[in-house]
C-alpha atoms as a PDB file:
ATOM      1  CA  MET A   1     -50.586 -82.448-111.145  1.00  0.00           C
ATOM      2  CA  LYS A   2     -52.353 -86.034-111.136  1.00  0.00           C
ATOM      3  CA  PRO A   3     -49.751 -87.342-113.778  1.00  0.00           C
ATOM      4  CA  LEU A   4     -46.758 -86.016-111.688  1.00  0.00           C
ATOM      5  CA  LEU A   5     -48.233 -87.428-108.431  1.00  0.00           C
ATOM      6  CA  PHE A   6     -48.691 -90.688-110.250  1.00  0.00           C
ATOM      7  CA  PHE A   7     -45.059 -90.652-111.472  1.00  0.00           C
ATOM      8  CA  LEU A   8     -43.696 -89.825-107.934  1.00  0.00           C
ATOM      9  CA  LEU A   9     -45.698 -92.533-106.489  1.00  0.00           C
ATOM     10  CA  ALA A  10     -44.545 -95.161-109.061  1.00  0.00           C
ATOM     11  CA  LEU A  11     -40.884 -94.061-108.588  1.00  0.00           C
ATOM     12  CA  GLN A  12     -41.318 -94.555-104.586  1.00  0.00           C
ATOM     13  CA  SER A  13     -42.775 -97.974-105.278  1.00  0.00           C
ATOM     14  CA  VAL A  14     -39.867 -98.899-107.548  1.00  0.00           C
ATOM     15  CA  SER A  15     -37.222 -97.435-105.199  1.00  0.00           C
ATOM     16  CA  PHE A  16     -38.523 -99.640-102.327  1.00  0.00           C
ATOM     17  CA  ALA A  17     -39.122-102.823-104.151  1.00  0.00           C
ATOM     18  CA  GLN A  18     -36.883-105.604-102.847  1.00  0.00           C
ATOM     19  CA  PRO A  19     -35.328-108.140-105.545  1.00  0.00           C
ATOM     20  CA  ASN A  20     -36.587-111.672-105.525  1.00  0.00           C
ATOM     21  CA  LEU A  21     -34.129-114.191-105.291  1.00  0.00           C
ATOM     22  CA  ASN A  22     -36.310-117.116-104.955  1.00  0.00           C
ATOM     23  CA  GLY A  23     -34.924-120.154-106.914  1.00  0.00           C
ATOM     24  CA  ALA A  24     -31.405-121.421-107.587  1.00  0.00           C
ATOM     25  CA  TRP A  25     -28.222-119.844-108.672  1.00  0.00           C
ATOM     26  CA  GLN A  26     -24.859-121.182-109.847  1.00  0.00           C
ATOM     27  CA  ALA A  27     -21.451-119.586-109.917  1.00  0.00           C
ATOM     28  CA  GLY A  28     -17.902-121.044-110.649  1.00  0.00           C
ATOM     29  CA  THR A  29     -16.973-123.855-112.771  1.00  0.00           C
ATOM     30  CA  ASP A  30     -17.458-127.730-112.780  1.00  0.00           C
ATOM     31  CA  GLU A  31     -14.181-127.830-110.906  1.00  0.00           C
ATOM     32  CA  ASN A  32     -15.419-125.110-108.380  1.00  0.00           C
ATOM     33  CA  ARG A  33     -19.083-125.136-108.410  1.00  0.00           C
ATOM     34  CA  MET A  34     -21.187-123.038-106.011  1.00  0.00           C
ATOM     35  CA  VAL A  35     -24.962-123.527-106.000  1.00  0.00           C
ATOM     36  CA  MET A  36     -27.160-121.165-104.012  1.00  0.00           C
ATOM     37  CA  ILE A  37     -30.878-122.220-103.413  1.00  0.00           C
ATOM     38  CA  VAL A  38     -33.044-119.341-101.992  1.00  0.00           C
ATOM     39  CA  ALA A  39     -36.556-120.248-100.648  1.00  0.00           C
ATOM     40  CA  ASP A  40     -38.855-118.095 -98.471  1.00  0.00           C
ATOM     41  CA  LYS A  41     -36.505-116.324 -95.902  1.00  0.00           C
ATOM     42  CA  PHE A  42     -33.956-119.088 -96.320  1.00  0.00           C
ATOM     43  CA  TYR A  43     -30.726-119.808 -98.175  1.00  0.00           C
ATOM     44  CA  SER A  44     -28.199-122.551 -98.648  1.00  0.00           C
ATOM     45  CA  ILE A  45     -24.900-122.498-100.427  1.00  0.00           C
ATOM     46  CA  VAL A  46     -22.957-125.455-101.390  1.00  0.00           C
ATOM     47  CA  VAL A  47     -19.281-125.942-102.967  1.00  0.00           C
ATOM     48  CA  TYR A  48     -18.009-128.850-104.784  1.00  0.00           C
ATOM     49  CA  ASN A  49     -15.844-130.268-107.516  1.00  0.00           C
ATOM     50  CA  LEU A  50     -18.380-132.061-110.055  1.00  0.00           C
ATOM     51  CA  LYS A  51     -15.896-133.412-112.071  1.00  0.00           C
ATOM     52  CA  GLU A  52     -13.883-135.166-109.275  1.00  0.00           C
ATOM     53  CA  LYS A  53     -17.242-135.752-107.174  1.00  0.00           C
ATOM     54  CA  ASN A  54     -15.430-133.804-104.097  1.00  0.00           C
ATOM     55  CA  TYR A  55     -17.399-131.995-101.584  1.00  0.00           C
ATOM     56  CA  ALA A  56     -15.921-128.833-100.252  1.00  0.00           C
ATOM     57  CA  GLY A  57     -18.214-127.135 -97.897  1.00  0.00           C
ATOM     58  CA  THR A  58     -21.600-125.509 -96.952  1.00  0.00           C
ATOM     59  CA  PHE A  59     -23.183-122.620 -95.350  1.00  0.00           C
ATOM     60  CA  GLY A  60     -26.760-121.288 -94.833  1.00  0.00           C
ATOM     61  CA  GLY A  61     -29.459-119.974 -92.912  1.00  0.00           C
ATOM     62  CA  THR A  62     -31.788-117.172 -92.936  1.00  0.00           C
ATOM     63  CA  TYR A  63     -31.464-113.863 -94.873  1.00  0.00           C
ATOM     64  CA  ARG A  64     -33.073-110.329 -95.542  1.00  0.00           C
ATOM     65  CA  ILE A  65     -32.400-107.672 -97.899  1.00  0.00           C
ATOM     66  CA  GLU A  66     -31.985-104.178 -97.100  1.00  0.00           C
ATOM     67  CA  LYS A  67     -30.726-101.161 -99.060  1.00  0.00           C
ATOM     68  CA  GLY A  68     -29.149-103.383-101.655  1.00  0.00           C
ATOM     69  CA  GLU A  69     -27.595-105.699 -99.268  1.00  0.00           C
ATOM     70  CA  PHE A  70     -28.029-109.428 -98.705  1.00  0.00           C
ATOM     71  CA  ILE A  71     -27.834-109.750 -94.723  1.00  0.00           C
ATOM     72  CA  ALA A  72     -27.152-113.441 -94.063  1.00  0.00           C
ATOM     73  CA  LEU A  73     -27.602-114.818 -90.490  1.00  0.00           C
ATOM     74  CA  PRO A  74     -25.860-118.398 -90.708  1.00  0.00           C
ATOM     75  CA  GLU A  75     -27.436-121.587 -88.981  1.00  0.00           C
ATOM     76  CA  PHE A  76     -24.561-123.854 -90.299  1.00  0.00           C
ATOM     77  CA  ASP A  77     -21.099-123.151 -91.887  1.00  0.00           C
ATOM     78  CA  THR A  78     -18.558-125.849 -92.398  1.00  0.00           C
ATOM     79  CA  PHE A  79     -16.044-123.366 -93.704  1.00  0.00           C
ATOM     80  CA  ASN A  80     -16.181-121.385 -90.322  1.00  0.00           C
ATOM     81  CA  LYS A  81     -18.374-122.411 -87.410  1.00  0.00           C
ATOM     82  CA  GLU A  82     -17.355-119.302 -85.763  1.00  0.00           C
ATOM     83  CA  GLN A  83     -19.749-117.140 -88.218  1.00  0.00           C
ATOM     84  CA  ILE A  84     -22.876-119.301 -87.211  1.00  0.00           C
ATOM     85  CA  GLY A  85     -25.397-117.066 -85.494  1.00  0.00           C
ATOM     86  CA  VAL A  86     -23.140-113.818 -86.641  1.00  0.00           C
ATOM     87  CA  GLU A  87     -24.715-111.384 -89.373  1.00  0.00           C
ATOM     88  CA  SER A  88     -22.976-110.873 -92.558  1.00  0.00           C
ATOM     89  CA  ARG A  89     -23.437-108.181 -95.274  1.00  0.00           C
ATOM     90  CA  PHE A  90     -22.933-108.755 -98.828  1.00  0.00           C
ATOM     91  CA  ALA A  91     -23.388-105.952-101.479  1.00  0.00           C
ATOM     92  CA  LEU A  92     -26.109-107.060-103.929  1.00  0.00           C
ATOM     93  CA  THR A  93     -26.580-106.325-107.459  1.00  0.00           C
ATOM     94  CA  LEU A  94     -29.190-108.113-109.808  1.00  0.00           C
ATOM     95  CA  SER A  95     -29.479-107.612-113.391  1.00  0.00           C
ATOM     96  CA  GLY A  96     -31.964-109.766-115.175  1.00  0.00           C
ATOM     97  CA  THR A  97     -30.646-113.640-114.860  1.00  0.00           C
ATOM     98  CA  ASN A  98     -27.433-112.351-113.340  1.00  0.00           C
ATOM     99  CA  LEU A  99     -26.814-111.679-109.578  1.00  0.00           C
ATOM    100  CA  LYS A 100     -23.424-110.302-108.153  1.00  0.00           C
ATOM    101  CA  MET A 101     -22.934-110.564-104.525  1.00  0.00           C
ATOM    102  CA  GLY A 102     -19.625-109.904-102.347  1.00  0.00           C
ATOM    103  CA  SER A 103     -17.987-108.329 -99.592  1.00  0.00           C
ATOM    104  CA  GLY A 104     -14.668-106.668 -99.818  1.00  0.00           C
ATOM    105  CA  LYS A 105     -12.225-108.725-102.422  1.00  0.00           C
ATOM    106  CA  ILE A 106     -14.909-111.656-102.380  1.00  0.00           C
ATOM    107  CA  VAL A 107     -17.355-111.373-105.307  1.00  0.00           C
ATOM    108  CA  TRP A 108     -19.662-113.935-106.495  1.00  0.00           C
ATOM    109  CA  ASP A 109     -21.078-113.974-109.965  1.00  0.00           C
ATOM    110  CA  PHE A 110     -24.083-116.039-110.022  1.00  0.00           C
ATOM    111  CA  LYS A 111     -26.253-117.120-112.865  1.00  0.00           C
ATOM    112  CA  LYS A 112     -30.125-118.018-112.282  1.00  0.00           C
ATOM    113  CA  LEU A 113     -30.845-121.650-112.904  1.00  0.00           C
ATOM    114  CA  ASP A 114     -34.547-121.402-112.226  1.00  0.00           C
ATOM    115  CA  ASP A 115     -37.155-119.060-110.348  1.00  0.00           C
ATOM    116  CA  GLY A 116     -38.821-121.878-108.110  1.00  0.00           C
ATOM    117  CA  LYS A 117     -40.446-123.687-111.090  1.00  0.00           C
ATOM    118  CA  PRO A 118     -41.450-126.198-112.438  1.00  0.00           C
ATOM    119  CA  GLY A 119     -40.917-128.431-109.379  1.00  0.00           C
ATOM    120  CA  ALA A 120     -43.741-128.777-106.881  1.00  0.00           C
ATOM    121  CA  LEU A 121     -41.806-128.793-103.959  1.00  0.00           C
ATOM    122  CA  ALA A 122     -40.022-125.293-104.032  1.00  0.00           C
ATOM    123  CA  GLY A 123     -39.311-124.283-100.323  1.00  0.00           C
ATOM    124  CA  ALA A 124     -37.763-124.682 -97.030  1.00  0.00           C
ATOM    125  CA  TRP A 125     -38.723-127.828 -95.383  1.00  0.00           C
ATOM    126  CA  LEU A 126     -37.898-129.683 -91.912  1.00  0.00           C
ATOM    127  CA  ILE A 127     -38.710-133.205 -91.277  1.00  0.00           C
ATOM    128  CA  THR A 128     -41.385-133.575 -88.661  1.00  0.00           C
ATOM    129  CA  GLY A 129     -42.339-137.190 -88.761  1.00  0.00           C
ATOM    130  CA  ARG A 130     -40.768-140.647 -89.724  1.00  0.00           C
ATOM    131  CA  MET A 131     -42.385-144.291 -90.000  1.00  0.00           C
ATOM    132  CA  GLY A 132     -41.481-146.151 -86.811  1.00  0.00           C
ATOM    133  CA  ASP A 133     -40.992-149.887 -86.190  1.00  0.00           C
ATOM    134  CA  ASP A 134     -44.662-150.145 -85.305  1.00  0.00           C
ATOM    135  CA  GLY A 135     -45.729-148.988 -88.694  1.00  0.00           C
ATOM    136  CA  LYS A 136     -47.171-145.554 -87.298  1.00  0.00           C
ATOM    137  CA  ILE A 137     -45.676-142.190 -88.368  1.00  0.00           C
ATOM    138  CA  GLN A 138     -43.899-140.682 -85.248  1.00  0.00           C
ATOM    139  CA  SER A 139     -44.199-136.973 -84.940  1.00  0.00           C
ATOM    140  CA  ARG A 140     -41.203-134.676 -83.798  1.00  0.00           C
ATOM    141  CA  THR A 141     -40.902-130.846 -83.220  1.00  0.00           C
ATOM    142  CA  PRO A 142     -37.599-129.723 -84.590  1.00  0.00           C
ATOM    143  CA  GLY A 143     -35.435-127.931 -82.403  1.00  0.00           C
ATOM    144  CA  ALA A 144     -31.770-126.958 -82.369  1.00  0.00           C
ATOM    145  CA  ARG A 145     -30.987-130.325 -84.122  1.00  0.00           C
ATOM    146  CA  LYS A 146     -32.579-130.007 -87.605  1.00  0.00           C
ATOM    147  CA  THR A 147     -32.667-131.654 -90.996  1.00  0.00           C
ATOM    148  CA  MET A 148     -33.643-129.086 -93.505  1.00  0.00           C
ATOM    149  CA  LYS A 149     -34.318-129.537 -97.128  1.00  0.00           C
ATOM    150  CA  LEU A 150     -34.270-126.485 -99.447  1.00  0.00           C
ATOM    151  CA  LEU A 151     -35.749-126.702-102.915  1.00  0.00           C
ATOM    152  CA  SER A 152     -36.018-124.654-105.902  1.00  0.00           C
ATOM    153  CA  GLY A 153     -37.685-125.506-108.977  1.00  0.00           C
ATOM    154  CA  THR A 154     -34.959-127.763-110.042  1.00  0.00           C
ATOM    155  CA  ARG A 155     -32.424-128.107-107.307  1.00  0.00           C
ATOM    156  CA  PHE A 156     -32.054-129.332-103.659  1.00  0.00           C
ATOM    157  CA  GLN A 157     -30.113-129.737-100.783  1.00  0.00           C
ATOM    158  CA  TRP A 158     -30.489-131.321 -97.436  1.00  0.00           C
ATOM    159  CA  ILE A 159     -28.556-130.364 -94.455  1.00  0.00           C
ATOM    160  CA  ALA A 160     -28.455-131.947 -91.019  1.00  0.00           C
ATOM    161  CA  TYR A 161     -27.157-129.724 -88.309  1.00  0.00           C
ATOM    162  CA  ASN A 162     -27.356-128.222 -84.862  1.00  0.00           C
ATOM    163  CA  ASN A 163     -27.250-124.475 -84.738  1.00  0.00           C
ATOM    164  CA  GLU A 164     -26.845-124.106 -81.059  1.00  0.00           C
ATOM    165  CA  THR A 165     -23.955-126.597 -80.627  1.00  0.00           C
ATOM    166  CA  LYS A 166     -22.532-125.465 -84.399  1.00  0.00           C
ATOM    167  CA  GLU A 167     -22.481-129.489 -84.995  1.00  0.00           C
ATOM    168  CA  PHE A 168     -22.792-130.574 -88.788  1.00  0.00           C
ATOM    169  CA  PHE A 169     -23.969-133.955 -89.650  1.00  0.00           C
ATOM    170  CA  GLY A 170     -24.033-133.870 -93.188  1.00  0.00           C
ATOM    171  CA  THR A 171     -25.472-132.687 -96.739  1.00  0.00           C
ATOM    172  CA  GLY A 172     -26.089-133.697-100.173  1.00  0.00           C
ATOM    173  CA  GLY A 173     -27.685-131.894-103.129  1.00  0.00           C
ATOM    174  CA  GLY A 174     -28.456-132.030-106.999  1.00  0.00           C
ATOM    175  CA  THR A 175     -31.168-131.817-109.339  1.00  0.00           C
ATOM    176  CA  TYR A 176     -34.861-132.968-108.846  1.00  0.00           C
ATOM    177  CA  THR A 177     -38.163-133.632-110.710  1.00  0.00           C
ATOM    178  CA  THR A 178     -41.761-134.078-109.686  1.00  0.00           C
ATOM    179  CA  GLU A 179     -43.884-135.870-112.139  1.00  0.00           C
ATOM    180  CA  ASN A 180     -46.941-138.224-111.786  1.00  0.00           C
ATOM    181  CA  GLY A 181     -46.537-138.467-107.960  1.00  0.00           C
ATOM    182  CA  LYS A 182     -42.859-139.450-108.338  1.00  0.00           C
ATOM    183  CA  TYR A 183     -39.905-137.194-106.828  1.00  0.00           C
ATOM    184  CA  THR A 184     -36.775-137.990-108.563  1.00  0.00           C
ATOM    185  CA  GLU A 185     -33.328-136.860-107.304  1.00  0.00           C
ATOM    186  CA  THR A 186     -30.095-136.898-109.351  1.00  0.00           C
ATOM    187  CA  ILE A 187     -27.196-136.608-106.746  1.00  0.00           C
ATOM    188  CA  GLU A 188     -24.446-134.188-107.602  1.00  0.00           C
ATOM    189  CA  VAL A 189     -22.902-133.756-104.224  1.00  0.00           C
ATOM    190  CA  PHE A 190     -22.578-135.677-100.981  1.00  0.00           C
ATOM    191  CA  SER A 191     -20.457-134.937 -98.114  1.00  0.00           C
ATOM    192  CA  ARG A 192     -20.547-138.563 -96.519  1.00  0.00           C
ATOM    193  CA  ASP A 193     -19.927-140.586 -99.698  1.00  0.00           C
ATOM    194  CA  ASN A 194     -18.986-139.553-102.968  1.00  0.00           C
ATOM    195  CA  SER A 195     -19.596-142.755-104.572  1.00  0.00           C
ATOM    196  CA  ARG A 196     -23.186-141.990-104.199  1.00  0.00           C
ATOM    197  CA  VAL A 197     -22.730-138.853-106.672  1.00  0.00           C
ATOM    198  CA  GLY A 198     -24.566-139.544-110.116  1.00  0.00           C
ATOM    199  CA  ALA A 199     -27.154-141.859-108.474  1.00  0.00           C
ATOM    200  CA  GLN A 200     -30.649-141.210-109.180  1.00  0.00           C
ATOM    201  CA  LEU A 201     -33.274-142.011-106.521  1.00  0.00           C
ATOM    202  CA  VAL A 202     -37.151-142.195-107.191  1.00  0.00           C
ATOM    203  CA  PHE A 203     -39.554-141.804-104.483  1.00  0.00           C
ATOM    204  CA  ASP A 204     -43.308-141.453-104.043  1.00  0.00           C
ATOM    205  CA  PHE A 205     -44.430-137.922-103.090  1.00  0.00           C
ATOM    206  CA  SER A 206     -47.806-136.451-102.009  1.00  0.00           C
ATOM    207  CA  PHE A 207     -49.357-133.760-100.011  1.00  0.00           C
ATOM    208  CA  VAL A 208     -51.132-134.262 -96.709  1.00  0.00           C
ATOM    209  CA  GLU A 209     -52.620-131.501 -95.027  1.00  0.00           C
ATOM    210  CA  GLY A 210     -49.943-129.183 -96.583  1.00  0.00           C
ATOM    211  CA  ASN A 211     -47.391-131.504 -95.521  1.00  0.00           C
ATOM    212  CA  TRP A 212     -44.988-133.464 -97.898  1.00  0.00           C
ATOM    213  CA  ARG A 213     -45.102-137.217 -97.573  1.00  0.00           C
ATOM    214  CA  HIS A 214     -41.772-138.706 -98.809  1.00  0.00           C
ATOM    215  CA  SER A 215     -41.314-142.380 -99.086  1.00  0.00           C
ATOM    216  CA  GLY A 216     -38.976-144.957-100.987  1.00  0.00           C
ATOM    217  CA  LYS A 217     -35.521-146.073-100.403  1.00  0.00           C
ATOM    218  CA  SER A 218     -32.505-144.077 -99.376  1.00  0.00           C
ATOM    219  CA  SER A 219     -29.342-143.926-101.153  1.00  0.00           C
ATOM    220  CA  THR A 220     -28.032-146.802 -99.249  1.00  0.00           C
ATOM    221  CA  GLY A 221     -31.288-148.948-100.013  1.00  0.00           C
ATOM    222  CA  GLN A 222     -32.966-148.411 -96.871  1.00  0.00           C
ATOM    223  CA  PRO A 223     -36.732-147.850 -96.744  1.00  0.00           C
ATOM    224  CA  ILE A 224     -37.889-144.385 -95.624  1.00  0.00           C
ATOM    225  CA  ASP A 225     -41.204-142.842 -94.878  1.00  0.00           C
ATOM    226  CA  GLU A 226     -41.070-139.304 -93.841  1.00  0.00           C
ATOM    227  CA  ILE A 227     -43.323-136.241 -93.270  1.00  0.00           C
ATOM    228  CA  TRP A 228     -41.695-132.977 -94.106  1.00  0.00           C
ATOM    229  CA  SER A 229     -43.311-129.390 -93.185  1.00  0.00           C
ATOM    230  CA  GLN A 230     -42.653-126.076 -94.297  1.00  0.00           C
ATOM    231  CA  ARG A 231     -40.592-123.747 -92.046  1.00  0.00           C
ATOM    232  CA  SER A 232     -42.761-120.985 -92.736  1.00  0.00           C
ATOM    233  CA  LYS A 233     -45.926-122.781 -91.386  1.00  0.00           C
ATOM    234  CA  LEU A 234     -44.051-124.084 -88.645  1.00  0.00           C
ATOM    235  CA  GLY A 235     -42.655-120.621 -87.528  1.00  0.00           C
ATOM    236  CA  ILE A 236     -39.045-121.846 -87.044  1.00  0.00           C
END
């Protein structure tokens, strides 16, 4: 009886185990590339032509997994803003490093890029402070207007949007590394100015009371000094 009971309990635990999607995933080709970043309970997907440096669009928000379905609740969607705040369900099949997601005739075949490592900044972050003209960090509490940055172990995407008015202000993404206190971005997609694609930006980074201190110069050469906080800790 004991071996049988153990087997049944083990089978039950496997049946209810949910797939861990945290990390970065890629589908398509260089001409039609789709990169998805999943961190905590948040996701973002950006579509672009890497060869031509053309941005196509982006969408993302929160998600949960239930009974083999990826249930998305978008906070931003440049393809169809009417989808913002409306739940969408996608069939989900995970096999090793391959992820198949789809609804109806639309099916995406993703390949895992990383599982949240080796970068030190994997997570969903919101900007909560910025250096003012007086040389002091000015704190801010994110509301409907957000600047969010999603990072896996090797990929990043930032998105500026308002989920209440459904406004979208811009996005950018690519690869990153964190080494010896330096956070280095290599831009693959930029919605506002594709001439910045291919640029490499180096910033100082550190952790202050669990927050990310981010300083250096932006892609336009302007000095920045920011505080980013994890959404999971903010409860937003």
